[in-house]
Structure formats: C-alpha cells, structure tokens
mmCIF file of all heavy atoms, coordinates in Angstrom:
data_MODEL
# 
_entry.id   MODEL 
# 
loop_
_atom_site.group_PDB 
_atom_site.id 
_atom_site.type_symbol 
_atom_site.label_atom_id 
_atom_site.label_alt_id 
_atom_site.label_comp_id 
_atom_site.label_asym_id 
_atom_site.label_entity_id 
_atom_site.label_seq_id 
_atom_site.pdbx_PDB_ins_code 
_atom_site.Cartn_x 
_atom_site.Cartn_y 
_atom_site.Cartn_z 
_atom_site.occupancy 
_atom_site.B_iso_or_equiv 
_atom_site.pdbx_formal_charge 
_atom_site.auth_seq_id 
_atom_site.auth_comp_id 
_atom_site.auth_asym_id 
_atom_site.auth_atom_id 
_atom_site.pdbx_PDB_model_num 
ATOM 1   N N   . ALA A 1 1  ? 5.879  -3.696  7.702   1.00 0.00 ? 1  ALA A N   1 
ATOM 2   C CA  . ALA A 1 1  ? 7.077  -3.982  8.500   1.00 0.00 ? 1  ALA A CA  1 
ATOM 3   C C   . ALA A 1 1  ? 7.335  -2.941  9.589   1.00 0.00 ? 1  ALA A C   1 
ATOM 4   O O   . ALA A 1 1  ? 8.114  -3.183  10.490  1.00 0.00 ? 1  ALA A O   1 
ATOM 5   C CB  . ALA A 1 1  ? 8.294  -4.082  7.591   1.00 0.00 ? 1  ALA A CB  1 
ATOM 6   N N   . SER A 1 2  ? 6.685  -1.771  9.491   1.00 0.00 ? 2  SER A N   1 
ATOM 7   C CA  . SER A 1 2  ? 6.887  -0.710  10.476  1.00 0.00 ? 2  SER A CA  1 
ATOM 8   C C   . SER A 1 2  ? 6.038  -0.964  11.711  1.00 0.00 ? 2  SER A C   1 
ATOM 9   O O   . SER A 1 2  ? 5.048  -1.695  11.676  1.00 0.00 ? 2  SER A O   1 
ATOM 10  C CB  . SER A 1 2  ? 6.547  0.656   9.869   1.00 0.00 ? 2  SER A CB  1 
ATOM 11  O OG  . SER A 1 2  ? 7.396  0.960   8.782   1.00 0.00 ? 2  SER A OG  1 
ATOM 12  N N   . ASP A 1 3  ? 6.390  -0.297  12.822  1.00 0.00 ? 3  ASP A N   1 
ATOM 13  C CA  . ASP A 1 3  ? 5.681  -0.507  14.089  1.00 0.00 ? 3  ASP A CA  1 
ATOM 14  C C   . ASP A 1 3  ? 4.455  0.381   14.219  1.00 0.00 ? 3  ASP A C   1 
ATOM 15  O O   . ASP A 1 3  ? 3.429  -0.034  14.752  1.00 0.00 ? 3  ASP A O   1 
ATOM 16  C CB  . ASP A 1 3  ? 6.640  -0.230  15.266  1.00 0.00 ? 3  ASP A CB  1 
ATOM 17  C CG  . ASP A 1 3  ? 7.861  -1.129  15.207  1.00 0.00 ? 3  ASP A CG  1 
ATOM 18  O OD1 . ASP A 1 3  ? 7.675  -2.366  15.149  1.00 0.00 ? 3  ASP A OD1 1 
ATOM 19  O OD2 . ASP A 1 3  ? 8.983  -0.617  15.191  1.00 0.00 ? 3  ASP A OD2 1 
ATOM 20  N N   . ILE A 1 4  ? 4.562  1.622   13.761  1.00 0.00 ? 4  ILE A N   1 
ATOM 21  C CA  . ILE A 1 4  ? 3.464  2.596   13.805  1.00 0.00 ? 4  ILE A CA  1 
ATOM 22  C C   . ILE A 1 4  ? 3.397  3.235   12.422  1.00 0.00 ? 4  ILE A C   1 
ATOM 23  O O   . ILE A 1 4  ? 4.424  3.569   11.834  1.00 0.00 ? 4  ILE A O   1 
ATOM 24  C CB  . ILE A 1 4  ? 3.714  3.674   14.881  1.00 0.00 ? 4  ILE A CB  1 
ATOM 25  C CG1 . ILE A 1 4  ? 3.718  3.036   16.284  1.00 0.00 ? 4  ILE A CG1 1 
ATOM 26  C CG2 . ILE A 1 4  ? 2.673  4.787   14.802  1.00 0.00 ? 4  ILE A CG2 1 
ATOM 27  C CD1 . ILE A 1 4  ? 4.160  3.995   17.380  1.00 0.00 ? 4  ILE A CD1 1 
ATOM 28  N N   . VAL A 1 5  ? 2.180  3.418   11.895  1.00 0.00 ? 5  VAL A N   1 
ATOM 29  C CA  . VAL A 1 5  ? 2.006  4.068   10.601  1.00 0.00 ? 5  VAL A CA  1 
ATOM 30  C C   . VAL A 1 5  ? 1.027  5.221   10.744  1.00 0.00 ? 5  VAL A C   1 
ATOM 31  O O   . VAL A 1 5  ? -0.120 5.026   11.168  1.00 0.00 ? 5  VAL A O   1 
ATOM 32  C CB  . VAL A 1 5  ? 1.486  3.090   9.532   1.00 0.00 ? 5  VAL A CB  1 
ATOM 33  C CG1 . VAL A 1 5  ? 1.340  3.800   8.179   1.00 0.00 ? 5  VAL A CG1 1 
ATOM 34  C CG2 . VAL A 1 5  ? 2.407  1.877   9.398   1.00 0.00 ? 5  VAL A CG2 1 
ATOM 35  N N   . VAL A 1 6  ? 1.490  6.432   10.417  1.00 0.00 ? 6  VAL A N   1 
ATOM 36  C CA  . VAL A 1 6  ? 0.638  7.623   10.421  1.00 0.00 ? 6  VAL A CA  1 
ATOM 37  C C   . VAL A 1 6  ? 0.541  8.105   8.976   1.00 0.00 ? 6  VAL A C   1 
ATOM 38  O O   . VAL A 1 6  ? 1.558  8.261   8.290   1.00 0.00 ? 6  VAL A O   1 
ATOM 39  C CB  . VAL A 1 6  ? 1.189  8.731   11.321  1.00 0.00 ? 6  VAL A CB  1 
ATOM 40  C CG1 . VAL A 1 6  ? 0.248  9.930   11.326  1.00 0.00 ? 6  VAL A CG1 1 
ATOM 41  C CG2 . VAL A 1 6  ? 1.412  8.210   12.739  1.00 0.00 ? 6  VAL A CG2 1 
ATOM 42  N N   . ILE A 1 7  ? -0.675 8.364   8.519   1.00 0.00 ? 7  ILE A N   1 
ATOM 43  C CA  . ILE A 1 7  ? -0.900 8.643   7.113   1.00 0.00 ? 7  ILE A CA  1 
ATOM 44  C C   . ILE A 1 7  ? -1.804 9.870   6.957   1.00 0.00 ? 7  ILE A C   1 
ATOM 45  O O   . ILE A 1 7  ? -2.614 10.166  7.851   1.00 0.00 ? 7  ILE A O   1 
ATOM 46  C CB  . ILE A 1 7  ? -1.555 7.395   6.443   1.00 0.00 ? 7  ILE A CB  1 
ATOM 47  C CG1 . ILE A 1 7  ? -1.625 7.525   4.932   1.00 0.00 ? 7  ILE A CG1 1 
ATOM 48  C CG2 . ILE A 1 7  ? -2.919 7.123   7.042   1.00 0.00 ? 7  ILE A CG2 1 
ATOM 49  C CD1 . ILE A 1 7  ? -2.047 6.228   4.250   1.00 0.00 ? 7  ILE A CD1 1 
ATOM 50  N N   . GLU A 1 8  ? -1.642 10.568  5.851   1.00 0.00 ? 8  GLU A N   1 
ATOM 51  C CA  . GLU A 1 8  ? -2.567 11.668  5.600   1.00 0.00 ? 8  GLU A CA  1 
ATOM 52  C C   . GLU A 1 8  ? -3.881 11.117  5.072   1.00 0.00 ? 8  GLU A C   1 
ATOM 53  O O   . GLU A 1 8  ? -3.928 10.070  4.430   1.00 0.00 ? 8  GLU A O   1 
ATOM 54  C CB  . GLU A 1 8  ? -1.966 12.677  4.626   1.00 0.00 ? 8  GLU A CB  1 
ATOM 55  C CG  . GLU A 1 8  ? -1.711 12.157  3.231   1.00 0.00 ? 8  GLU A CG  1 
ATOM 56  C CD  . GLU A 1 8  ? -1.181 13.236  2.302   1.00 0.00 ? 8  GLU A CD  1 
ATOM 57  O OE1 . GLU A 1 8  ? -1.001 14.390  2.731   1.00 0.00 ? 8  GLU A OE1 1 
ATOM 58  O OE2 . GLU A 1 8  ? -0.963 12.922  1.118   1.00 0.00 ? 8  GLU A OE2 1 
ATOM 59  N N   . ASP A 1 9  ? -4.972 11.838  5.352   1.00 0.00 ? 9  ASP A N   1 
ATOM 60  C CA  . ASP A 1 9  ? -6.307 11.349  5.037   1.00 0.00 ? 9  ASP A CA  1 
ATOM 61  C C   . ASP A 1 9  ? -6.502 10.983  3.575   1.00 0.00 ? 9  ASP A C   1 
ATOM 62  O O   . ASP A 1 9  ? -7.167 10.006  3.252   1.00 0.00 ? 9  ASP A O   1 
ATOM 63  C CB  . ASP A 1 9  ? -7.366 12.408  5.424   1.00 0.00 ? 9  ASP A CB  1 
ATOM 64  C CG  . ASP A 1 9  ? -7.512 12.566  6.916   1.00 0.00 ? 9  ASP A CG  1 
ATOM 65  O OD1 . ASP A 1 9  ? -7.089 11.665  7.669   1.00 0.00 ? 9  ASP A OD1 1 
ATOM 66  O OD2 . ASP A 1 9  ? -8.082 13.600  7.350   1.00 0.00 ? 9  ASP A OD2 1 
ATOM 67  N N   . ASP A 1 10 ? -5.945 11.793  2.667   1.00 0.00 ? 10 ASP A N   1 
ATOM 68  C CA  . ASP A 1 10 ? -6.201 11.553  1.250   1.00 0.00 ? 10 ASP A CA  1 
ATOM 69  C C   . ASP A 1 10 ? -5.048 10.892  0.530   1.00 0.00 ? 10 ASP A C   1 
ATOM 70  O O   . ASP A 1 10 ? -4.962 10.925  -0.703  1.00 0.00 ? 10 ASP A O   1 
ATOM 71  C CB  . ASP A 1 10 ? -6.600 12.859  0.542   1.00 0.00 ? 10 ASP A CB  1 
ATOM 72  C CG  . ASP A 1 10 ? -5.464 13.878  0.510   1.00 0.00 ? 10 ASP A CG  1 
ATOM 73  O OD1 . ASP A 1 10 ? -4.460 13.658  1.221   1.00 0.00 ? 10 ASP A OD1 1 
ATOM 74  O OD2 . ASP A 1 10 ? -5.589 14.875  -0.231  1.00 0.00 ? 10 ASP A OD2 1 
ATOM 75  N N   . ALA A 1 11 ? -4.161 10.234  1.267   1.00 0.00 ? 11 ALA A N   1 
ATOM 76  C CA  . ALA A 1 11 ? -3.128 9.423   0.630   1.00 0.00 ? 11 ALA A CA  1 
ATOM 77  C C   . ALA A 1 11 ? -3.777 8.260   -0.104  1.00 0.00 ? 11 ALA A C   1 
ATOM 78  O O   . ALA A 1 11 ? -4.958 7.946   0.112   1.00 0.00 ? 11 ALA A O   1 
ATOM 79  C CB  . ALA A 1 11 ? -2.145 8.901   1.670   1.00 0.00 ? 11 ALA A CB  1 
ATOM 80  N N   . ARG A 1 12 ? -3.016 7.615   -0.979  1.00 0.00 ? 12 ARG A N   1 
ATOM 81  C CA  . ARG A 1 12 ? -3.526 6.476   -1.724  1.00 0.00 ? 12 ARG A CA  1 
ATOM 82  C C   . ARG A 1 12 ? -2.640 5.262   -1.458  1.00 0.00 ? 12 ARG A C   1 
ATOM 83  O O   . ARG A 1 12 ? -1.433 5.321   -1.663  1.00 0.00 ? 12 ARG A O   1 
ATOM 84  C CB  . ARG A 1 12 ? -3.553 6.774   -3.230  1.00 0.00 ? 12 ARG A CB  1 
ATOM 85  C CG  . ARG A 1 12 ? -4.587 7.824   -3.614  1.00 0.00 ? 12 ARG A CG  1 
ATOM 86  C CD  . ARG A 1 12 ? -6.005 7.299   -3.402  1.00 0.00 ? 12 ARG A CD  1 
ATOM 87  N NE  . ARG A 1 12 ? -7.029 8.254   -3.791  1.00 0.00 ? 12 ARG A NE  1 
ATOM 88  C CZ  . ARG A 1 12 ? -7.583 9.137   -2.979  1.00 0.00 ? 12 ARG A CZ  1 
ATOM 89  N NH1 . ARG A 1 12 ? -7.220 9.192   -1.712  1.00 0.00 ? 12 ARG A NH1 1 
ATOM 90  N NH2 . ARG A 1 12 ? -8.539 9.945   -3.407  1.00 0.00 ? 12 ARG A NH2 1 
ATOM 91  N N   . ILE A 1 13 ? -3.262 4.180   -1.014  1.00 0.00 ? 13 ILE A N   1 
ATOM 92  C CA  . ILE A 1 13 ? -2.565 2.933   -0.685  1.00 0.00 ? 13 ILE A CA  1 
ATOM 93  C C   . ILE A 1 13 ? -3.140 1.824   -1.534  1.00 0.00 ? 13 ILE A C   1 
ATOM 94  O O   . ILE A 1 13 ? -4.354 1.647   -1.593  1.00 0.00 ? 13 ILE A O   1 
ATOM 95  C CB  . ILE A 1 13 ? -2.768 2.547   0.788   1.00 0.00 ? 13 ILE A CB  1 
ATOM 96  C CG1 . ILE A 1 13 ? -2.486 3.725   1.720   1.00 0.00 ? 13 ILE A CG1 1 
ATOM 97  C CG2 . ILE A 1 13 ? -1.913 1.356   1.157   1.00 0.00 ? 13 ILE A CG2 1 
ATOM 98  C CD1 . ILE A 1 13 ? -3.046 3.502   3.101   1.00 0.00 ? 13 ILE A CD1 1 
ATOM 99  N N   . GLY A 1 14 ? -2.275 1.050   -2.170  1.00 0.00 ? 14 GLY A N   1 
ATOM 100 C CA  . GLY A 1 14 ? -2.786 -0.060  -2.965  1.00 0.00 ? 14 GLY A CA  1 
ATOM 101 C C   . GLY A 1 14 ? -1.661 -0.894  -3.546  1.00 0.00 ? 14 GLY A C   1 
ATOM 102 O O   . GLY A 1 14 ? -0.481 -0.585  -3.399  1.00 0.00 ? 14 GLY A O   1 
ATOM 103 N N   . SER A 1 15 ? -2.053 -1.965  -4.230  1.00 0.00 ? 15 SER A N   1 
ATOM 104 C CA  . SER A 1 15 ? -1.103 -2.887  -4.818  1.00 0.00 ? 15 SER A CA  1 
ATOM 105 C C   . SER A 1 15 ? -1.493 -3.164  -6.261  1.00 0.00 ? 15 SER A C   1 
ATOM 106 O O   . SER A 1 15 ? -1.917 -4.271  -6.602  1.00 0.00 ? 15 SER A O   1 
ATOM 107 C CB  . SER A 1 15 ? -1.049 -4.184  -4.001  1.00 0.00 ? 15 SER A CB  1 
ATOM 108 O OG  . SER A 1 15 ? -0.026 -5.027  -4.437  1.00 0.00 ? 15 SER A OG  1 
ATOM 109 N N   . PRO A 1 16 ? -1.367 -2.165  -7.145  1.00 0.00 ? 16 PRO A N   1 
ATOM 110 C CA  . PRO A 1 16 ? -1.825 -2.355  -8.536  1.00 0.00 ? 16 PRO A CA  1 
ATOM 111 C C   . PRO A 1 16 ? -1.080 -3.454  -9.281  1.00 0.00 ? 16 PRO A C   1 
ATOM 112 O O   . PRO A 1 16 ? -1.608 -4.018  -10.238 1.00 0.00 ? 16 PRO A O   1 
ATOM 113 C CB  . PRO A 1 16 ? -1.591 -0.979  -9.173  1.00 0.00 ? 16 PRO A CB  1 
ATOM 114 C CG  . PRO A 1 16 ? -0.555 -0.327  -8.322  1.00 0.00 ? 16 PRO A CG  1 
ATOM 115 C CD  . PRO A 1 16 ? -0.822 -0.818  -6.941  1.00 0.00 ? 16 PRO A CD  1 
ATOM 116 N N   . GLU A 1 17 ? 0.131  -3.797  -8.847  1.00 0.00 ? 17 GLU A N   1 
ATOM 117 C CA  . GLU A 1 17 ? 0.861  -4.857  -9.530  1.00 0.00 ? 17 GLU A CA  1 
ATOM 118 C C   . GLU A 1 17 ? 0.152  -6.199  -9.408  1.00 0.00 ? 17 GLU A C   1 
ATOM 119 O O   . GLU A 1 17 ? 0.391  -7.123  -10.187 1.00 0.00 ? 17 GLU A O   1 
ATOM 120 C CB  . GLU A 1 17 ? 2.300  -4.967  -8.996  1.00 0.00 ? 17 GLU A CB  1 
ATOM 121 C CG  . GLU A 1 17 ? 2.445  -5.566  -7.606  1.00 0.00 ? 17 GLU A CG  1 
ATOM 122 C CD  . GLU A 1 17 ? 2.253  -4.558  -6.494  1.00 0.00 ? 17 GLU A CD  1 
ATOM 123 O OE1 . GLU A 1 17 ? 1.713  -3.460  -6.743  1.00 0.00 ? 17 GLU A OE1 1 
ATOM 124 O OE2 . GLU A 1 17 ? 2.645  -4.863  -5.358  1.00 0.00 ? 17 GLU A OE2 1 
ATOM 125 N N   . ALA A 1 18 ? -0.754 -6.329  -8.405  1.00 0.00 ? 18 ALA A N   1 
ATOM 126 C CA  . ALA A 1 18 ? -1.502 -7.575  -8.260  1.00 0.00 ? 18 ALA A CA  1 
ATOM 127 C C   . ALA A 1 18 ? -2.367 -7.866  -9.491  1.00 0.00 ? 18 ALA A C   1 
ATOM 128 O O   . ALA A 1 18 ? -2.776 -9.018  -9.704  1.00 0.00 ? 18 ALA A O   1 
ATOM 129 C CB  . ALA A 1 18 ? -2.390 -7.508  -7.007  1.00 0.00 ? 18 ALA A CB  1 
ATOM 130 N N   . ARG A 1 19 ? -2.627 -6.859  -10.307 1.00 0.00 ? 19 ARG A N   1 
ATOM 131 C CA  . ARG A 1 19 ? -3.442 -7.052  -11.501 1.00 0.00 ? 19 ARG A CA  1 
ATOM 132 C C   . ARG A 1 19 ? -2.718 -7.842  -12.591 1.00 0.00 ? 19 ARG A C   1 
ATOM 133 O O   . ARG A 1 19 ? -3.369 -8.347  -13.507 1.00 0.00 ? 19 ARG A O   1 
ATOM 134 C CB  . ARG A 1 19 ? -3.861 -5.687  -12.057 1.00 0.00 ? 19 ARG A CB  1 
ATOM 135 C CG  . ARG A 1 19 ? -4.760 -4.916  -11.121 1.00 0.00 ? 19 ARG A CG  1 
ATOM 136 C CD  . ARG A 1 19 ? -4.925 -3.475  -11.575 1.00 0.00 ? 19 ARG A CD  1 
ATOM 137 N NE  . ARG A 1 19 ? -5.893 -2.778  -10.729 1.00 0.00 ? 19 ARG A NE  1 
ATOM 138 C CZ  . ARG A 1 19 ? -6.047 -1.453  -10.754 1.00 0.00 ? 19 ARG A CZ  1 
ATOM 139 N NH1 . ARG A 1 19 ? -5.299 -0.700  -11.550 1.00 0.00 ? 19 ARG A NH1 1 
ATOM 140 N NH2 . ARG A 1 19 ? -6.952 -0.883  -9.964  1.00 0.00 ? 19 ARG A NH2 1 
ATOM 141 N N   . ALA A 1 20 ? -1.385 -7.912  -12.491 1.00 0.00 ? 20 ALA A N   1 
ATOM 142 C CA  . ALA A 1 20 ? -0.678 -8.572  -13.586 1.00 0.00 ? 20 ALA A CA  1 
ATOM 143 C C   . ALA A 1 20 ? 0.613  -9.258  -13.168 1.00 0.00 ? 20 ALA A C   1 
ATOM 144 O O   . ALA A 1 20 ? 1.217  -9.926  -13.989 1.00 0.00 ? 20 ALA A O   1 
ATOM 145 C CB  . ALA A 1 20 ? -0.331 -7.521  -14.665 1.00 0.00 ? 20 ALA A CB  1 
ATOM 146 N N   . LEU A 1 21 ? 1.037  -9.129  -11.933 1.00 0.00 ? 21 LEU A N   1 
ATOM 147 C CA  . LEU A 1 21 ? 2.382  -9.580  -11.611 1.00 0.00 ? 21 LEU A CA  1 
ATOM 148 C C   . LEU A 1 21 ? 2.487  -10.452 -10.367 1.00 0.00 ? 21 LEU A C   1 
ATOM 149 O O   . LEU A 1 21 ? 3.139  -11.474 -10.356 1.00 0.00 ? 21 LEU A O   1 
ATOM 150 C CB  . LEU A 1 21 ? 3.300  -8.353  -11.457 1.00 0.00 ? 21 LEU A CB  1 
ATOM 151 C CG  . LEU A 1 21 ? 4.788  -8.623  -11.278 1.00 0.00 ? 21 LEU A CG  1 
ATOM 152 C CD1 . LEU A 1 21 ? 5.313  -9.409  -12.486 1.00 0.00 ? 21 LEU A CD1 1 
ATOM 153 C CD2 . LEU A 1 21 ? 5.542  -7.313  -11.148 1.00 0.00 ? 21 LEU A CD2 1 
ATOM 154 N N   . GLY A 1 22 ? 1.857  -10.074 -9.282  1.00 0.00 ? 22 GLY A N   1 
ATOM 155 C CA  . GLY A 1 22 ? 2.009  -10.786 -8.031  1.00 0.00 ? 22 GLY A CA  1 
ATOM 156 C C   . GLY A 1 22 ? 1.587  -9.895  -6.887  1.00 0.00 ? 22 GLY A C   1 
ATOM 157 O O   . GLY A 1 22 ? 0.826  -8.946  -7.079  1.00 0.00 ? 22 GLY A O   1 
ATOM 158 N N   . PHE A 1 23 ? 2.100  -10.160 -5.715  1.00 0.00 ? 23 PHE A N   1 
ATOM 159 C CA  . PHE A 1 23 ? 1.714  -9.369  -4.552  1.00 0.00 ? 23 PHE A CA  1 
ATOM 160 C C   . PHE A 1 23 ? 2.928  -9.137  -3.667  1.00 0.00 ? 23 PHE A C   1 
ATOM 161 O O   . PHE A 1 23 ? 4.023  -9.635  -3.926  1.00 0.00 ? 23 PHE A O   1 
ATOM 162 C CB  . PHE A 1 23 ? 0.587  -10.054 -3.782  1.00 0.00 ? 23 PHE A CB  1 
ATOM 163 C CG  . PHE A 1 23 ? 0.805  -11.532 -3.545  1.00 0.00 ? 23 PHE A CG  1 
ATOM 164 C CD1 . PHE A 1 23 ? 1.681  -11.965 -2.571  1.00 0.00 ? 23 PHE A CD1 1 
ATOM 165 C CD2 . PHE A 1 23 ? 0.125  -12.461 -4.320  1.00 0.00 ? 23 PHE A CD2 1 
ATOM 166 C CE1 . PHE A 1 23 ? 1.874  -13.319 -2.359  1.00 0.00 ? 23 PHE A CE1 1 
ATOM 167 C CE2 . PHE A 1 23 ? 0.301  -13.837 -4.095  1.00 0.00 ? 23 PHE A CE2 1 
ATOM 168 C CZ  . PHE A 1 23 ? 1.184  -14.249 -3.121  1.00 0.00 ? 23 PHE A CZ  1 
ATOM 169 N N   . GLU A 1 24 ? 2.699  -8.408  -2.586  1.00 0.00 ? 24 GLU A N   1 
ATOM 170 C CA  . GLU A 1 24 ? 3.813  -8.042  -1.723  1.00 0.00 ? 24 GLU A CA  1 
ATOM 171 C C   . GLU A 1 24 ? 4.189  -9.188  -0.781  1.00 0.00 ? 24 GLU A C   1 
ATOM 172 O O   . GLU A 1 24 ? 3.316  -9.925  -0.310  1.00 0.00 ? 24 GLU A O   1 
ATOM 173 C CB  . GLU A 1 24 ? 3.459  -6.792  -0.908  1.00 0.00 ? 24 GLU A CB  1 
ATOM 174 C CG  . GLU A 1 24 ? 3.227  -5.580  -1.777  1.00 0.00 ? 24 GLU A CG  1 
ATOM 175 C CD  . GLU A 1 24 ? 4.331  -5.378  -2.796  1.00 0.00 ? 24 GLU A CD  1 
ATOM 176 O OE1 . GLU A 1 24 ? 5.532  -5.440  -2.420  1.00 0.00 ? 24 GLU A OE1 1 
ATOM 177 O OE2 . GLU A 1 24 ? 4.024  -5.165  -3.963  1.00 0.00 ? 24 GLU A OE2 1 
# 
C-alpha cells in the first residue's frame, strides 16, 4: 500500500500464515 519501500539488505519478508490460514 506504500508508494516507496526502502529495506535493509538482510531484512526478512514473507507470509508464513499462508501455510495454514490465508493470505494478505
């Protein structure tokens, strides 16, 4: 939903709830 995203190199992005619940 944001316009610009700046992230650190070793951050972790994911959707583990997709394994048992649903998605975003």
